[in-house]
Amino acid sequence: MARKKVVLLIVEGPSDQDSLELIFDKLFPNDKIMVCVMHCDITTERKNNPSNIVDAVTKRVKEYAGKYGGLKAGHFQEIIHLIDTDGSFIPDDHIIHDSEVKTPIYTLSEIRTNNCSGIISRNNQKQSNINKLLTISHIWRIIPYRLFYFSCNLEHVLHNQNNVTDEEKEQLAHLFVKKYKDNPEGFKSYISNSDFSICDGYDYKSGWEYIKQDLNSLNRYTNLGLCFKE
């Protein structure tokens, strides 16, 4: 039997992997699902900018491949990179100073923070790096690559909850997998056909154009359903 090609999911944190890995494994039966957990938002790491962000993602893919039997570029079918939007495209006047909060608080209309300049700087960096990643179609020369979003984050999309703790993320991930691990088609319908789905009537480019408008990057949207269209 021919060796299965790898579909690599790149995610930000462990709860993302816990939520999606088993379900994607059922949805891609002819491929081997593998998950690279960044343990960070690579688009906002201090050293990353549009001149090196593609190389930074490629480096992480190569490092991951090296850990698993020395995988080469030709072993990969595609890369599906999942990121949170974190309200990164909203106007600066919706970033509100609040000296009482220790970490940013995300709502459907604003980000409340004790460091407005820091959030504005982060958003500018994230916008620039996302826009650069959207110009490429392949990583490591030959691996098809696409970037998909959860807005404002994965928990917002999957559970309609925001500003959750790490412990709550783990609990939500467990419940989500329990619900969909034996019903992957139900997950595909949920992610593709819900009110928050930027799927029908959109393609990859227009789906990203939508999330950049107004306050959409704070609101509950995802274009992940597009990865199942082909």
C-alpha atoms as a PDB file:
ATOM      1  CA  MET A   1       0.000   0.000   0.000  1.00  0.00           C
ATOM      2  CA  ALA A   2       1.314   3.443  -0.891  1.00  0.00           C
ATOM      3  CA  ARG A   3       2.389   5.617   2.021  1.00  0.00           C
ATOM      4  CA  LYS A   4      -0.256   8.156   2.959  1.00  0.00           C
ATOM      5  CA  LYS A   5       0.554  11.791   2.279  1.00  0.00           C
ATOM      6  CA  VAL A   6       0.608  14.119   5.286  1.00  0.00           C
ATOM      7  CA  VAL A   7      -1.941  16.884   5.788  1.00  0.00           C
ATOM      8  CA  LEU A   8      -0.289  19.126   8.364  1.00  0.00           C
ATOM      9  CA  LEU A   9      -2.400  21.323  10.612  1.00  0.00           C
ATOM     10  CA  ILE A  10      -0.517  24.237  12.127  1.00  0.00           C
ATOM     11  CA  VAL A  11      -2.246  25.524  15.269  1.00  0.00           C
ATOM     12  CA  GLU A  12      -1.416  27.996  18.003  1.00  0.00           C
ATOM     13  CA  GLY A  13      -2.030  25.943  21.148  1.00  0.00           C
ATOM     14  CA  PRO A  14      -2.659  22.464  22.586  1.00  0.00           C
ATOM     15  CA  SER A  15      -6.417  22.996  22.979  1.00  0.00           C
ATOM     16  CA  ASP A  16      -6.629  23.661  19.218  1.00  0.00           C
ATOM     17  CA  GLN A  17      -4.995  20.286  18.588  1.00  0.00           C
ATOM     18  CA  ASP A  18      -7.234  18.589  21.139  1.00  0.00           C
ATOM     19  CA  SER A  19     -10.342  20.051  19.487  1.00  0.00           C
ATOM     20  CA  LEU A  20      -9.540  19.229  15.878  1.00  0.00           C
ATOM     21  CA  GLU A  21      -7.029  16.425  15.378  1.00  0.00           C
ATOM     22  CA  LEU A  22      -9.331  13.405  15.760  1.00  0.00           C
ATOM     23  CA  ILE A  23     -12.094  15.035  13.715  1.00  0.00           C
ATOM     24  CA  PHE A  24      -9.757  15.968  10.858  1.00  0.00           C
ATOM     25  CA  ASP A  25      -8.387  12.448  10.907  1.00  0.00           C
ATOM     26  CA  LYS A  26     -11.881  11.197  10.077  1.00  0.00           C
ATOM     27  CA  LEU A  27     -12.457  13.881   7.434  1.00  0.00           C
ATOM     28  CA  PHE A  28      -9.209  13.099   5.566  1.00  0.00           C
ATOM     29  CA  PRO A  29      -9.281   9.267   5.500  1.00  0.00           C
ATOM     30  CA  ASN A  30      -6.867   9.024   2.559  1.00  0.00           C
ATOM     31  CA  ASP A  31      -4.228  11.193   4.208  1.00  0.00           C
ATOM     32  CA  LYS A  32      -2.292  11.155   7.458  1.00  0.00           C
ATOM     33  CA  ILE A  33      -3.247  14.055   9.721  1.00  0.00           C
ATOM     34  CA  MET A  34      -0.402  15.537  11.738  1.00  0.00           C
ATOM     35  CA  VAL A  35      -0.540  18.614  13.959  1.00  0.00           C
ATOM     36  CA  CYS A  36       2.225  21.136  14.581  1.00  0.00           C
ATOM     37  CA  VAL A  37       1.494  23.117  17.748  1.00  0.00           C
ATOM     38  CA  MET A  38       3.306  26.460  17.685  1.00  0.00           C
ATOM     39  CA  HIS A  39       2.717  27.272  21.381  1.00  0.00           C
ATOM     40  CA  CYS A  40       2.569  30.885  20.220  1.00  0.00           C
ATOM     41  CA  ASP A  41       1.081  33.190  17.621  1.00  0.00           C
ATOM     42  CA  ILE A  42       3.855  33.187  15.060  1.00  0.00           C
ATOM     43  CA  THR A  43       2.476  36.344  13.424  1.00  0.00           C
ATOM     44  CA  THR A  44       3.054  38.370  16.599  1.00  0.00           C
ATOM     45  CA  GLU A  45       6.380  36.979  17.802  1.00  0.00           C
ATOM     46  CA  ARG A  46       8.613  39.983  18.318  1.00  0.00           C
ATOM     47  CA  LYS A  47      11.224  39.083  15.690  1.00  0.00           C
ATOM     48  CA  ASN A  48       8.793  38.278  12.865  1.00  0.00           C
ATOM     49  CA  ASN A  49       7.907  40.723  10.118  1.00  0.00           C
ATOM     50  CA  PRO A  50       6.864  40.534   6.446  1.00  0.00           C
ATOM     51  CA  SER A  51      10.451  40.063   5.317  1.00  0.00           C
ATOM     52  CA  ASN A  52      10.925  36.832   7.311  1.00  0.00           C
ATOM     53  CA  ILE A  53       7.489  35.483   8.266  1.00  0.00           C
ATOM     54  CA  VAL A  54       7.396  32.957   5.412  1.00  0.00           C
ATOM     55  CA  ASP A  55      10.842  31.696   6.378  1.00  0.00           C
ATOM     56  CA  ALA A  56       9.733  31.511  10.032  1.00  0.00           C
ATOM     57  CA  VAL A  57       6.749  29.306   9.177  1.00  0.00           C
ATOM     58  CA  THR A  58       8.852  27.190   6.812  1.00  0.00           C
ATOM     59  CA  LYS A  59      11.487  26.698   9.511  1.00  0.00           C
ATOM     60  CA  ARG A  60       8.885  25.419  11.966  1.00  0.00           C
ATOM     61  CA  VAL A  61       7.496  23.024   9.357  1.00  0.00           C
ATOM     62  CA  LYS A  62      10.982  21.673   8.604  1.00  0.00           C
ATOM     63  CA  GLU A  63      11.750  21.270  12.314  1.00  0.00           C
ATOM     64  CA  TYR A  64       8.498  19.386  12.819  1.00  0.00           C
ATOM     65  CA  ALA A  65       9.163  17.190   9.782  1.00  0.00           C
ATOM     66  CA  GLY A  66      12.623  16.324  11.084  1.00  0.00           C
ATOM     67  CA  LYS A  67      11.188  15.027  14.346  1.00  0.00           C
ATOM     68  CA  TYR A  68       8.975  12.503  12.571  1.00  0.00           C
ATOM     69  CA  GLY A  69      11.198  10.192  10.602  1.00  0.00           C
ATOM     70  CA  GLY A  70      12.908  12.878   8.598  1.00  0.00           C
ATOM     71  CA  LEU A  71       9.886  13.747   6.494  1.00  0.00           C
ATOM     72  CA  LYS A  72      10.664  15.648   3.293  1.00  0.00           C
ATOM     73  CA  ALA A  73       8.584  18.206   1.422  1.00  0.00           C
ATOM     74  CA  GLY A  74       7.346  15.523  -0.969  1.00  0.00           C
ATOM     75  CA  HIS A  75       5.703  13.622   1.889  1.00  0.00           C
ATOM     76  CA  PHE A  76       3.172  16.420   2.447  1.00  0.00           C
ATOM     77  CA  GLN A  77      -0.181  16.741   0.707  1.00  0.00           C
ATOM     78  CA  GLU A  78      -0.909  20.223   2.051  1.00  0.00           C
ATOM     79  CA  ILE A  79      -0.564  22.558   5.011  1.00  0.00           C
ATOM     80  CA  ILE A  80      -3.634  24.031   6.722  1.00  0.00           C
ATOM     81  CA  HIS A  81      -2.503  26.880   8.981  1.00  0.00           C
ATOM     82  CA  LEU A  82      -5.078  28.001  11.568  1.00  0.00           C
ATOM     83  CA  ILE A  83      -4.781  31.325  13.375  1.00  0.00           C
ATOM     84  CA  ASP A  84      -6.890  33.503  15.663  1.00  0.00           C
ATOM     85  CA  THR A  85      -7.674  36.980  14.346  1.00  0.00           C
ATOM     86  CA  ASP A  86      -7.639  38.554  17.840  1.00  0.00           C
ATOM     87  CA  GLY A  87      -9.397  41.657  16.499  1.00  0.00           C
ATOM     88  CA  SER A  88      -6.246  42.553  14.615  1.00  0.00           C
ATOM     89  CA  PHE A  89      -7.976  44.433  11.785  1.00  0.00           C
ATOM     90  CA  ILE A  90     -10.254  46.699  13.841  1.00  0.00           C
ATOM     91  CA  PRO A  91      -9.835  50.511  13.823  1.00  0.00           C
ATOM     92  CA  ASP A  92      -7.552  51.830  16.554  1.00  0.00           C
ATOM     93  CA  ASP A  93     -10.378  53.801  18.179  1.00  0.00           C
ATOM     94  CA  HIS A  94     -12.000  50.512  19.210  1.00  0.00           C
ATOM     95  CA  ILE A  95      -8.998  49.729  21.399  1.00  0.00           C
ATOM     96  CA  ILE A  96     -10.083  51.145  24.754  1.00  0.00           C
ATOM     97  CA  HIS A  97      -7.906  51.901  27.763  1.00  0.00           C
ATOM     98  CA  ASP A  98      -8.994  50.188  30.965  1.00  0.00           C
ATOM     99  CA  SER A  99      -6.575  50.354  33.875  1.00  0.00           C
ATOM    100  CA  GLU A 100      -8.530  47.668  35.748  1.00  0.00           C
ATOM    101  CA  VAL A 101      -7.792  44.789  33.345  1.00  0.00           C
ATOM    102  CA  LYS A 102      -4.603  42.736  33.562  1.00  0.00           C
ATOM    103  CA  THR A 103      -4.926  41.051  30.178  1.00  0.00           C
ATOM    104  CA  PRO A 104      -6.866  42.228  27.093  1.00  0.00           C
ATOM    105  CA  ILE A 105     -10.623  41.687  27.172  1.00  0.00           C
ATOM    106  CA  TYR A 106     -12.279  41.021  23.818  1.00  0.00           C
ATOM    107  CA  THR A 107     -15.904  41.920  23.087  1.00  0.00           C
ATOM    108  CA  LEU A 108     -17.830  42.154  19.817  1.00  0.00           C
ATOM    109  CA  SER A 109     -17.118  45.886  19.597  1.00  0.00           C
ATOM    110  CA  GLU A 110     -13.806  46.600  21.309  1.00  0.00           C
ATOM    111  CA  ILE A 111     -10.621  45.413  22.948  1.00  0.00           C
ATOM    112  CA  ARG A 112     -10.203  46.672  26.515  1.00  0.00           C
ATOM    113  CA  THR A 113      -6.589  46.854  27.657  1.00  0.00           C
ATOM    114  CA  ASN A 114      -4.251  48.658  30.042  1.00  0.00           C
ATOM    115  CA  ASN A 115      -1.751  49.048  27.180  1.00  0.00           C
ATOM    116  CA  CYS A 116      -3.423  50.527  24.105  1.00  0.00           C
ATOM    117  CA  SER A 117      -0.162  51.299  22.321  1.00  0.00           C
ATOM    118  CA  GLY A 118       0.960  47.711  22.784  1.00  0.00           C
ATOM    119  CA  ILE A 119      -2.239  46.308  21.240  1.00  0.00           C
ATOM    120  CA  ILE A 120      -2.069  48.781  18.352  1.00  0.00           C
ATOM    121  CA  SER A 121       1.537  47.763  17.677  1.00  0.00           C
ATOM    122  CA  ARG A 122       0.627  44.068  17.911  1.00  0.00           C
ATOM    123  CA  ASN A 123      -2.284  44.518  15.528  1.00  0.00           C
ATOM    124  CA  ASN A 124      -0.130  46.329  12.983  1.00  0.00           C
ATOM    125  CA  GLN A 125       2.464  43.560  13.111  1.00  0.00           C
ATOM    126  CA  LYS A 126      -0.163  40.826  12.872  1.00  0.00           C
ATOM    127  CA  GLN A 127      -1.894  42.522   9.931  1.00  0.00           C
ATOM    128  CA  SER A 128       1.377  42.861   8.029  1.00  0.00           C
ATOM    129  CA  ASN A 129       2.436  39.273   8.613  1.00  0.00           C
ATOM    130  CA  ILE A 130      -0.973  37.865   7.723  1.00  0.00           C
ATOM    131  CA  ASN A 131      -1.044  39.898   4.524  1.00  0.00           C
ATOM    132  CA  LYS A 132       2.354  38.512   3.589  1.00  0.00           C
ATOM    133  CA  LEU A 133       1.303  34.907   4.249  1.00  0.00           C
ATOM    134  CA  LEU A 134      -1.756  35.447   2.073  1.00  0.00           C
ATOM    135  CA  THR A 135       0.497  36.165  -0.913  1.00  0.00           C
ATOM    136  CA  ILE A 136       1.998  32.676  -0.933  1.00  0.00           C
ATOM    137  CA  SER A 137       0.490  29.407  -2.092  1.00  0.00           C
ATOM    138  CA  HIS A 138       3.314  27.018  -1.179  1.00  0.00           C
ATOM    139  CA  ILE A 139       5.712  26.430   1.721  1.00  0.00           C
ATOM    140  CA  TRP A 140       9.066  24.660   1.465  1.00  0.00           C
ATOM    141  CA  ARG A 141       8.960  25.152  -2.316  1.00  0.00           C
ATOM    142  CA  ILE A 142       6.291  22.569  -3.190  1.00  0.00           C
ATOM    143  CA  ILE A 143       3.831  22.065  -0.308  1.00  0.00           C
ATOM    144  CA  PRO A 144       0.417  23.703  -0.926  1.00  0.00           C
ATOM    145  CA  TYR A 145      -0.278  26.170   1.893  1.00  0.00           C
ATOM    146  CA  ARG A 146      -3.401  28.029   2.990  1.00  0.00           C
ATOM    147  CA  LEU A 147      -4.131  30.207   6.016  1.00  0.00           C
ATOM    148  CA  PHE A 148      -7.518  30.004   7.753  1.00  0.00           C
ATOM    149  CA  TYR A 149      -8.927  32.027  10.633  1.00  0.00           C
ATOM    150  CA  PHE A 150     -10.982  31.742  13.780  1.00  0.00           C
ATOM    151  CA  SER A 151     -12.408  35.096  14.888  1.00  0.00           C
ATOM    152  CA  CYS A 152     -11.852  36.315  17.416  1.00  0.00           C
ATOM    153  CA  ASN A 153     -10.385  32.947  18.420  1.00  0.00           C
ATOM    154  CA  LEU A 154     -11.101  29.211  18.249  1.00  0.00           C
ATOM    155  CA  GLU A 155     -13.200  29.126  21.431  1.00  0.00           C
ATOM    156  CA  HIS A 156     -15.295  32.024  20.130  1.00  0.00           C
ATOM    157  CA  VAL A 157     -16.095  30.149  16.920  1.00  0.00           C
ATOM    158  CA  LEU A 158     -16.496  26.611  18.218  1.00  0.00           C
ATOM    159  CA  HIS A 159     -18.201  27.405  21.534  1.00  0.00           C
ATOM    160  CA  ASN A 160     -19.396  31.028  21.304  1.00  0.00           C
ATOM    161  CA  GLN A 161     -17.235  31.843  24.322  1.00  0.00           C
ATOM    162  CA  ASN A 162     -14.483  34.408  24.609  1.00  0.00           C
ATOM    163  CA  ASN A 163     -11.878  35.375  27.215  1.00  0.00           C
ATOM    164  CA  VAL A 164     -11.646  31.837  28.587  1.00  0.00           C
ATOM    165  CA  THR A 165      -8.872  30.433  30.775  1.00  0.00           C
ATOM    166  CA  ASP A 166      -6.484  27.678  29.720  1.00  0.00           C
ATOM    167  CA  GLU A 167      -8.322  25.245  31.986  1.00  0.00           C
ATOM    168  CA  GLU A 168     -11.643  26.184  30.386  1.00  0.00           C
ATOM    169  CA  LYS A 169     -10.108  25.720  26.933  1.00  0.00           C
ATOM    170  CA  GLU A 170      -9.162  22.146  27.830  1.00  0.00           C
ATOM    171  CA  GLN A 171     -12.651  21.388  29.132  1.00  0.00           C
ATOM    172  CA  LEU A 172     -14.317  22.864  26.041  1.00  0.00           C
ATOM    173  CA  ALA A 173     -11.989  20.920  23.740  1.00  0.00           C
ATOM    174  CA  HIS A 174     -12.856  17.659  25.515  1.00  0.00           C
ATOM    175  CA  LEU A 175     -16.586  18.275  25.151  1.00  0.00           C
ATOM    176  CA  PHE A 176     -16.222  19.272  21.502  1.00  0.00           C
ATOM    177  CA  VAL A 177     -14.310  16.141  20.545  1.00  0.00           C
ATOM    178  CA  LYS A 178     -16.786  13.991  22.453  1.00  0.00           C
ATOM    179  CA  LYS A 179     -19.582  15.539  20.384  1.00  0.00           C
ATOM    180  CA  TYR A 180     -18.003  15.260  16.940  1.00  0.00           C
ATOM    181  CA  LYS A 181     -15.333  12.531  16.945  1.00  0.00           C
ATOM    182  CA  ASP A 182     -17.873   9.980  15.683  1.00  0.00           C
ATOM    183  CA  ASN A 183     -19.776  12.541  13.627  1.00  0.00           C
ATOM    184  CA  PRO A 184     -17.159  14.280  11.456  1.00  0.00           C
ATOM    185  CA  GLU A 185     -19.744  15.180   8.814  1.00  0.00           C
ATOM    186  CA  GLY A 186     -21.684  16.959  11.548  1.00  0.00           C
ATOM    187  CA  PHE A 187     -18.586  19.010  12.322  1.00  0.00           C
ATOM    188  CA  LYS A 188     -18.090  19.828   8.644  1.00  0.00           C
ATOM    189  CA  SER A 189     -21.685  21.032   8.392  1.00  0.00           C
ATOM    190  CA  TYR A 190     -21.326  23.050  11.606  1.00  0.00           C
ATOM    191  CA  ILE A 191     -18.151  24.792  10.481  1.00  0.00           C
ATOM    192  CA  SER A 192     -19.392  25.352   6.912  1.00  0.00           C
ATOM    193  CA  ASN A 193     -23.078  26.186   7.251  1.00  0.00           C
ATOM    194  CA  SER A 194     -23.512  28.134  10.497  1.00  0.00           C
ATOM    195  CA  ASP A 195     -24.219  31.857  10.818  1.00  0.00           C
ATOM    196  CA  PHE A 196     -20.535  32.395  11.539  1.00  0.00           C
ATOM    197  CA  SER A 197     -19.332  30.475   8.463  1.00  0.00           C
ATOM    198  CA  ILE A 198     -17.581  32.503   5.776  1.00  0.00           C
ATOM    199  CA  CYS A 199     -17.962  29.742   3.235  1.00  0.00           C
ATOM    200  CA  ASP A 200     -20.903  29.714   0.812  1.00  0.00           C
ATOM    201  CA  GLY A 201     -20.499  32.575  -1.647  1.00  0.00           C
ATOM    202  CA  TYR A 202     -16.870  33.119  -0.652  1.00  0.00           C
ATOM    203  CA  ASP A 203     -13.553  31.905  -1.902  1.00  0.00           C
ATOM    204  CA  TYR A 204     -10.176  32.044  -0.174  1.00  0.00           C
ATOM    205  CA  LYS A 205      -9.474  35.647  -1.206  1.00  0.00           C
ATOM    206  CA  SER A 206     -12.918  37.124  -0.565  1.00  0.00           C
ATOM    207  CA  GLY A 207     -13.174  35.313   2.777  1.00  0.00           C
ATOM    208  CA  TRP A 208     -10.063  37.117   3.945  1.00  0.00           C
ATOM    209  CA  GLU A 209     -11.241  40.429   2.535  1.00  0.00           C
ATOM    210  CA  TYR A 210     -14.403  40.058   4.628  1.00  0.00           C
ATOM    211  CA  ILE A 211     -12.638  39.491   7.941  1.00  0.00           C
ATOM    212  CA  LYS A 212     -10.489  42.599   7.438  1.00  0.00           C
ATOM    213  CA  GLN A 213     -13.535  44.896   7.250  1.00  0.00           C
ATOM    214  CA  ASP A 214     -14.932  46.980  10.122  1.00  0.00           C
ATOM    215  CA  LEU A 215     -15.131  44.948  13.369  1.00  0.00           C
ATOM    216  CA  ASN A 216     -15.348  41.544  11.706  1.00  0.00           C
ATOM    217  CA  SER A 217     -12.039  40.362  13.163  1.00  0.00           C
ATOM    218  CA  LEU A 218     -13.590  40.729  16.638  1.00  0.00           C
ATOM    219  CA  ASN A 219     -16.850  39.046  15.719  1.00  0.00           C
ATOM    220  CA  ARG A 220     -17.604  35.343  15.447  1.00  0.00           C
ATOM    221  CA  TYR A 221     -16.489  34.124  12.016  1.00  0.00           C
ATOM    222  CA  THR A 222     -14.378  31.426  10.401  1.00  0.00           C
ATOM    223  CA  ASN A 223     -13.441  30.555   6.829  1.00  0.00           C
ATOM    224  CA  LEU A 224     -12.295  27.039   7.773  1.00  0.00           C
ATOM    225  CA  GLY A 225     -15.208  25.496   5.882  1.00  0.00           C
ATOM    226  CA  LEU A 226     -13.475  26.485   2.645  1.00  0.00           C
ATOM    227  CA  CYS A 227     -10.805  23.839   3.209  1.00  0.00           C
ATOM    228  CA  PHE A 228     -13.454  21.144   2.683  1.00  0.00           C
ATOM    229  CA  LYS A 229     -14.782  22.562  -0.578  1.00  0.00           C
ATOM    230  CA  GLU A 230     -12.052  21.092  -2.777  1.00  0.00           C
END
